Amino acid sequence: MDTLEDIAKGTGGLAFKVQKASESQEVFSEISRDLAASYLLGFRPRPGRGEWRPLEVGRSAVLRDGIDATIIGYGSSAADAFKAAELLAAAGFRPLKDLLAYHIPLANCPMERLARISAKVQARWPDLRCRPIRRPTLAQDLGRIKEVYNAAWEHNWGFVPMTDAEVDFMAARLKPLLVEGLVWLAEARTEPVGFLLAVPDLNPVLQPLRGRLLTPRVLGALPCLLGWRQPSRARVVALGVKQAHRGRGLESLMLFEGLKAGFKAGFTEAEASWVLENNTLMRRVLETFGGQLYKTYRLFERAL
């Protein structure tokens, strides 16, 4: 277990993360002892909440149920995740919040219907412009992306605004993964109002390497790692619209553009995650696109 950090500002609790779920019950009991010790050392009496990984989109909860043995963006096995959930519960942690993942088979998307919906949105909103973010101009767009992100997610449970340094850090990590047409910025006149980020899922390519680059298996991964070929699956990491512009179809428009570009690039499926369990609007949008709920991740907490 890593050292406790007071990082869960948006949830009002102390956060922790667990490196391996295959440990014994003693490890999870140690979590409880460390949380109690942190309190005695001067922390305010707030709950211990986890598993929480700031700045690691897609790695902040324990898989509770799901049909796929691969956890996109995580790399652990589902069996490890299930065990972690069981051990946390046995250590006295209670469920706090469920985070949902939707599977979207692109062949099943009603693209003609979605194209009509998108055309109507643009007709009703003549000063709206959606444009793809490209690698050469990413640095110029970071400020506008940050503005949308901090405004669109402001009232979400667990949200912590990103600083300029954090935005730069995330951009540096994501830039090698950017595929043109999978990242979109929506602007109303000159104001940035919406943002979509999707990236290729490289897990199936990287897992056979087992963390080693000096292996013959790397030859099979090179086409995807060098961008010559795309994997079959993408992940929608972020889709947000400023509150004043919600309910006008912009979420559907950006997702349509992203999935259309993804299909053209050779992707056959997408995962959209995570979606807060109470985010009814986003869940309806994903279901309109043929998305099916197929994984549930869970955050836990324990009162000190």
Protein backbone atom coordinates (compact mmCIF):
# COMPACT_ATOMS: atom_id res chain seq x y z
CA MET A 1 0.00 0.00 0.00
CA ASP A 2 1.27 3.47 -0.81
CA THR A 3 1.67 6.19 1.77
CA LEU A 4 -1.60 7.96 2.56
CA GLU A 5 -2.03 11.30 0.84
CA ASP A 6 -4.66 13.89 1.56
CA ILE A 7 -5.73 13.96 -2.08
CA ALA A 8 -9.43 13.27 -2.13
CA LYS A 9 -10.35 16.94 -1.82
CA GLY A 10 -13.52 16.62 -3.82
CA THR A 11 -14.87 13.76 -1.68
CA GLY A 12 -13.95 15.17 1.71
CA GLY A 13 -11.98 12.09 2.72
CA LEU A 14 -8.52 10.60 3.01
CA ALA A 15 -7.58 8.59 -0.07
CA PHE A 16 -5.53 5.46 -0.46
CA LYS A 17 -4.53 3.12 -3.23
CA VAL A 18 -3.64 -0.56 -3.31
CA GLN A 19 -0.95 -1.87 -5.62
CA LYS A 20 -1.98 -5.54 -5.74
CA ALA A 21 -5.29 -7.15 -4.95
CA SER A 22 -3.71 -10.58 -4.58
CA GLU A 23 -2.48 -9.79 -1.08
CA SER A 24 -3.87 -11.37 2.05
CA GLN A 25 -6.49 -9.95 4.37
CA GLU A 26 -3.63 -8.61 6.52
CA VAL A 27 -2.85 -5.97 3.88
CA PHE A 28 -6.38 -4.64 4.00
CA SER A 29 -6.37 -4.68 7.78
CA GLU A 30 -3.18 -2.62 7.54
CA ILE A 31 -5.10 -0.06 5.50
CA SER A 32 -7.50 0.35 8.41
CA ARG A 33 -4.65 0.71 10.91
CA ASP A 34 -2.90 3.31 8.75
CA LEU A 35 -6.09 5.31 8.38
CA ALA A 36 -6.58 5.29 12.14
CA ALA A 37 -2.93 6.26 12.69
CA SER A 38 -3.29 9.17 10.27
CA TYR A 39 -6.20 10.43 12.32
CA LEU A 40 -4.22 10.18 15.58
CA LEU A 41 -1.36 12.09 13.96
CA GLY A 42 -3.57 15.09 13.40
CA PHE A 43 -5.84 14.57 10.40
CA ARG A 44 -9.42 15.72 10.83
CA PRO A 45 -11.97 12.91 11.42
CA ARG A 46 -12.91 12.20 7.83
CA PRO A 47 -13.64 8.84 6.21
CA GLY A 48 -10.93 6.81 4.55
CA ARG A 49 -11.94 6.42 0.92
CA GLY A 50 -10.49 4.33 -1.86
CA GLU A 51 -9.25 2.92 -4.02
CA TRP A 52 -8.43 6.41 -5.36
CA ARG A 53 -5.73 7.35 -7.88
CA PRO A 54 -5.64 11.08 -8.70
CA LEU A 55 -4.49 11.99 -12.22
CA GLU A 56 -4.90 8.37 -13.31
CA VAL A 57 -8.11 8.39 -15.29
CA GLY A 58 -9.53 4.91 -15.26
CA ARG A 59 -7.73 3.64 -12.17
CA SER A 60 -9.69 4.81 -9.17
CA ALA A 61 -12.04 2.04 -8.09
CA VAL A 62 -12.41 -1.70 -7.64
CA LEU A 63 -14.27 -3.77 -10.22
CA ARG A 64 -17.45 -5.10 -8.63
CA ASP A 65 -18.94 -6.92 -11.59
CA GLY A 66 -18.34 -7.21 -15.32
CA ILE A 67 -18.26 -9.74 -18.10
CA ASP A 68 -14.76 -9.01 -19.41
CA ALA A 69 -11.53 -10.27 -17.84
CA THR A 70 -9.66 -7.21 -19.12
CA ILE A 71 -10.04 -3.92 -17.30
CA ILE A 72 -9.46 -1.17 -19.85
CA GLY A 73 -6.83 1.32 -18.75
CA TYR A 74 -5.94 -0.74 -15.69
CA GLY A 75 -4.26 -3.95 -16.84
CA SER A 76 -5.26 -6.06 -13.82
CA SER A 77 -7.34 -9.17 -14.08
CA ALA A 78 -10.99 -9.14 -13.13
CA ALA A 79 -10.27 -11.89 -10.60
CA ASP A 80 -7.80 -9.60 -8.78
CA ALA A 81 -10.36 -6.80 -8.73
CA PHE A 82 -13.15 -9.02 -7.43
CA LYS A 83 -10.87 -10.22 -4.63
CA ALA A 84 -9.95 -6.65 -3.70
CA ALA A 85 -13.63 -5.77 -3.35
CA GLU A 86 -14.22 -8.78 -1.10
CA LEU A 87 -11.21 -7.99 1.09
CA LEU A 88 -12.17 -4.34 1.49
CA ALA A 89 -15.67 -5.34 2.57
CA ALA A 90 -14.24 -7.86 5.04
CA ALA A 91 -11.98 -5.13 6.47
CA GLY A 92 -15.03 -3.03 7.35
CA PHE A 93 -15.20 -0.72 4.34
CA ARG A 94 -18.66 0.02 3.01
CA PRO A 95 -19.72 0.89 -0.55
CA LEU A 96 -19.58 4.62 -1.24
CA LYS A 97 -20.15 5.19 -4.96
CA ASP A 98 -20.55 3.05 -8.07
CA LEU A 99 -18.87 4.05 -11.34
CA LEU A 100 -20.21 2.54 -14.55
CA ALA A 101 -18.66 1.39 -17.82
CA TYR A 102 -20.65 1.08 -21.06
CA HIS A 103 -19.74 -1.10 -24.03
CA ILE A 104 -20.60 0.30 -27.48
CA PRO A 105 -20.31 -2.05 -30.49
CA LEU A 106 -19.83 0.42 -33.34
CA ALA A 107 -21.56 -1.87 -35.84
CA ASN A 108 -24.73 -1.62 -33.74
CA CYS A 109 -24.76 2.18 -33.50
CA PRO A 110 -27.82 3.64 -35.27
CA MET A 111 -25.57 5.98 -37.28
CA GLU A 112 -28.24 7.26 -39.69
CA ARG A 113 -30.54 8.24 -36.83
CA LEU A 114 -27.63 9.79 -34.93
CA ALA A 115 -26.60 11.75 -38.03
CA ARG A 116 -30.10 13.24 -38.22
CA ILE A 117 -29.98 14.17 -34.54
CA SER A 118 -26.56 15.80 -34.98
CA ALA A 119 -27.75 17.76 -38.03
CA LYS A 120 -30.71 19.11 -36.05
CA VAL A 121 -28.41 20.18 -33.20
CA GLN A 122 -26.20 22.11 -35.60
CA ALA A 123 -29.20 23.67 -37.36
CA ARG A 124 -30.60 24.93 -34.04
CA TRP A 125 -27.17 26.20 -32.95
CA PRO A 126 -25.66 28.06 -35.94
CA ASP A 127 -22.76 29.59 -34.00
CA LEU A 128 -21.60 26.19 -32.71
CA ARG A 129 -18.39 24.74 -34.09
CA CYS A 130 -16.94 21.30 -33.27
CA ARG A 131 -13.36 20.75 -34.31
CA PRO A 132 -10.93 17.87 -33.80
CA ILE A 133 -7.89 18.40 -31.61
CA ARG A 134 -4.65 17.56 -33.42
CA ARG A 135 -1.23 16.78 -32.00
CA PRO A 136 0.56 19.77 -33.61
CA THR A 137 -1.91 22.24 -32.06
CA LEU A 138 -2.56 20.44 -28.76
CA ALA A 139 -0.43 22.85 -26.73
CA GLN A 140 -2.40 25.83 -28.07
CA ASP A 141 -5.72 24.23 -27.10
CA LEU A 142 -4.80 23.09 -23.58
CA GLY A 143 -6.07 26.25 -21.91
CA ARG A 144 -9.47 25.93 -23.57
CA ILE A 145 -9.67 22.24 -22.72
CA LYS A 146 -8.86 23.01 -19.09
CA GLU A 147 -11.58 25.68 -19.00
CA VAL A 148 -14.21 23.22 -20.24
CA TYR A 149 -13.01 20.42 -17.97
CA ASN A 150 -13.05 22.47 -14.78
CA ALA A 151 -16.45 24.00 -15.59
CA ALA A 152 -18.20 20.88 -16.93
CA TRP A 153 -17.14 18.60 -14.07
CA GLU A 154 -17.36 21.29 -11.36
CA HIS A 155 -20.41 19.85 -9.62
CA ASN A 156 -19.56 16.17 -10.10
CA TRP A 157 -19.01 14.09 -7.01
CA GLY A 158 -15.30 13.76 -6.24
CA PHE A 159 -14.23 16.50 -8.65
CA VAL A 160 -11.01 18.43 -8.01
CA PRO A 161 -10.10 21.27 -10.45
CA MET A 162 -6.98 20.64 -12.52
CA THR A 163 -4.08 23.06 -12.29
CA ASP A 164 -2.04 24.17 -15.30
CA ALA A 165 0.76 21.81 -14.23
CA GLU A 166 -1.65 18.88 -14.04
CA VAL A 167 -3.10 19.67 -17.46
CA ASP A 168 0.40 19.78 -18.95
CA PHE A 169 1.27 16.48 -17.26
CA MET A 170 -1.84 14.74 -18.57
CA ALA A 171 -1.34 16.16 -22.06
CA ALA A 172 2.23 14.85 -22.18
CA ARG A 173 1.01 11.39 -21.20
CA LEU A 174 -1.90 11.33 -23.62
CA LYS A 175 -0.28 13.01 -26.65
CA PRO A 176 1.33 9.78 -27.97
CA LEU A 177 -2.12 8.13 -27.87
CA LEU A 178 -4.03 10.83 -29.72
CA VAL A 179 -5.82 9.66 -32.84
CA GLU A 180 -7.20 12.41 -35.05
CA GLY A 181 -10.97 12.45 -34.83
CA LEU A 182 -11.16 10.96 -31.34
CA VAL A 183 -10.62 14.24 -29.47
CA TRP A 184 -13.04 17.13 -30.02
CA LEU A 185 -13.50 20.66 -28.73
CA ALA A 186 -16.86 22.41 -29.13
CA GLU A 187 -16.97 26.20 -29.27
CA ALA A 188 -19.93 28.58 -29.27
CA ARG A 189 -18.59 31.62 -31.10
CA THR A 190 -15.31 32.05 -29.21
CA GLU A 191 -16.26 30.27 -25.97
CA PRO A 192 -15.16 26.65 -25.43
CA VAL A 193 -18.26 24.78 -24.22
CA GLY A 194 -17.68 21.04 -24.69
CA PHE A 195 -14.91 18.46 -24.81
CA LEU A 196 -14.60 14.81 -25.87
CA LEU A 197 -11.54 12.66 -25.26
CA ALA A 198 -11.22 9.09 -26.53
CA VAL A 199 -8.03 7.05 -26.86
CA PRO A 200 -7.10 3.63 -28.27
CA ASP A 201 -7.12 0.72 -25.82
CA LEU A 202 -3.59 -0.69 -26.01
CA ASN A 203 -4.06 -3.23 -23.22
CA PRO A 204 -4.46 -6.27 -25.52
CA VAL A 205 -1.23 -5.23 -27.24
CA LEU A 206 0.78 -4.55 -24.07
CA GLN A 207 -0.36 -7.38 -21.81
CA PRO A 208 1.55 -10.15 -23.66
CA LEU A 209 4.78 -8.16 -23.08
CA ARG A 210 4.36 -8.46 -19.27
CA GLY A 211 6.25 -5.21 -18.80
CA ARG A 212 9.27 -6.33 -20.83
CA LEU A 213 10.34 -4.56 -24.02
CA LEU A 214 13.33 -6.85 -24.69
CA THR A 215 11.21 -9.78 -25.78
CA PRO A 216 10.33 -11.16 -29.23
CA ARG A 217 6.69 -10.45 -28.42
CA VAL A 218 7.36 -6.74 -28.87
CA LEU A 219 7.45 -7.31 -32.65
CA GLY A 220 3.74 -8.11 -32.59
CA ALA A 221 3.03 -4.93 -30.64
CA LEU A 222 5.09 -2.54 -32.78
CA PRO A 223 2.45 -1.79 -35.45
CA CYS A 224 0.05 -0.46 -32.80
CA LEU A 225 2.72 1.19 -30.66
CA LEU A 226 4.08 3.07 -33.67
CA GLY A 227 0.61 4.07 -34.88
CA TRP A 228 0.73 2.00 -38.07
CA ARG A 229 -2.33 0.05 -37.00
CA GLN A 230 -5.09 0.77 -34.51
CA PRO A 231 -6.35 -1.71 -31.93
CA SER A 232 -9.97 -2.78 -32.23
CA ARG A 233 -11.22 -0.94 -29.16
CA ALA A 234 -11.20 2.68 -28.02
CA ARG A 235 -12.09 4.18 -24.69
CA VAL A 236 -14.14 7.34 -24.21
CA VAL A 237 -12.33 8.85 -21.25
CA ALA A 238 -14.09 12.21 -20.94
CA LEU A 239 -17.22 13.79 -22.39
CA GLY A 240 -18.41 17.01 -20.82
CA VAL A 241 -20.39 20.17 -21.58
CA LYS A 242 -20.58 23.37 -19.55
CA GLN A 243 -23.76 23.43 -17.49
CA ALA A 244 -25.28 26.43 -19.29
CA HIS A 245 -25.16 24.54 -22.60
CA ARG A 246 -26.43 21.13 -21.52
CA GLY A 247 -29.66 19.62 -22.77
CA ARG A 248 -29.14 20.96 -26.31
CA GLY A 249 -27.71 17.79 -27.83
CA LEU A 250 -24.04 18.76 -27.79
CA GLU A 251 -23.04 15.58 -25.94
CA SER A 252 -24.63 13.47 -28.67
CA LEU A 253 -23.08 15.58 -31.43
CA MET A 254 -19.52 15.21 -30.12
CA LEU A 255 -19.92 11.50 -29.40
CA PHE A 256 -21.32 10.96 -32.89
CA GLU A 257 -18.34 12.72 -34.47
CA GLY A 258 -15.91 10.73 -32.33
CA LEU A 259 -17.48 7.33 -33.02
CA LYS A 260 -17.82 8.12 -36.72
CA ALA A 261 -14.10 8.93 -36.91
CA GLY A 262 -13.27 5.86 -34.83
CA PHE A 263 -15.22 3.58 -37.13
CA LYS A 264 -13.44 5.10 -40.14
CA ALA A 265 -10.06 4.54 -38.42
CA GLY A 266 -10.82 0.84 -37.95
CA PHE A 267 -12.15 0.64 -34.41
CA THR A 268 -14.98 -1.86 -33.95
CA GLU A 269 -15.99 -1.14 -30.35
CA ALA A 270 -15.67 1.43 -27.60
CA GLU A 271 -15.91 1.60 -23.85
CA ALA A 272 -17.27 4.74 -22.20
CA SER A 273 -16.12 4.97 -18.60
CA TRP A 274 -16.44 6.04 -15.99
CA VAL A 275 -19.98 7.37 -15.61
CA LEU A 276 -21.26 8.24 -12.14
CA GLU A 277 -24.23 6.06 -11.25
CA ASN A 278 -26.45 9.15 -10.80
CA ASN A 279 -25.45 10.81 -14.11
CA THR A 280 -28.79 10.10 -15.78
CA LEU A 281 -28.21 12.42 -18.76
CA MET A 282 -24.94 10.79 -19.81
CA ARG A 283 -26.31 7.29 -19.29
CA ARG A 284 -29.23 8.08 -21.61
CA VAL A 285 -26.88 9.48 -24.26
CA LEU A 286 -24.76 6.32 -24.20
CA GLU A 287 -27.83 4.09 -24.38
CA THR A 288 -29.03 6.06 -27.42
CA PHE A 289 -25.75 5.10 -29.09
CA GLY A 290 -26.35 1.42 -28.37
CA GLY A 291 -24.23 1.39 -25.23
CA GLN A 292 -24.78 -1.43 -22.76
CA LEU A 293 -23.82 -1.32 -19.09
CA TYR A 294 -21.27 -4.11 -18.71
CA LYS A 295 -18.99 -3.23 -15.79
CA THR A 296 -19.52 -1.64 -12.41
CA TYR A 297 -16.62 -0.29 -10.35
CA ARG A 298 -16.99 0.61 -6.70
CA LEU A 299 -15.39 3.08 -4.33
CA PHE A 300 -15.33 2.18 -0.64
CA GLU A 301 -15.09 4.16 2.58
CA ARG A 302 -14.68 3.48 6.27
CA ALA A 303 -15.38 5.95 9.05
CA LEU A 304 -12.48 6.63 11.43
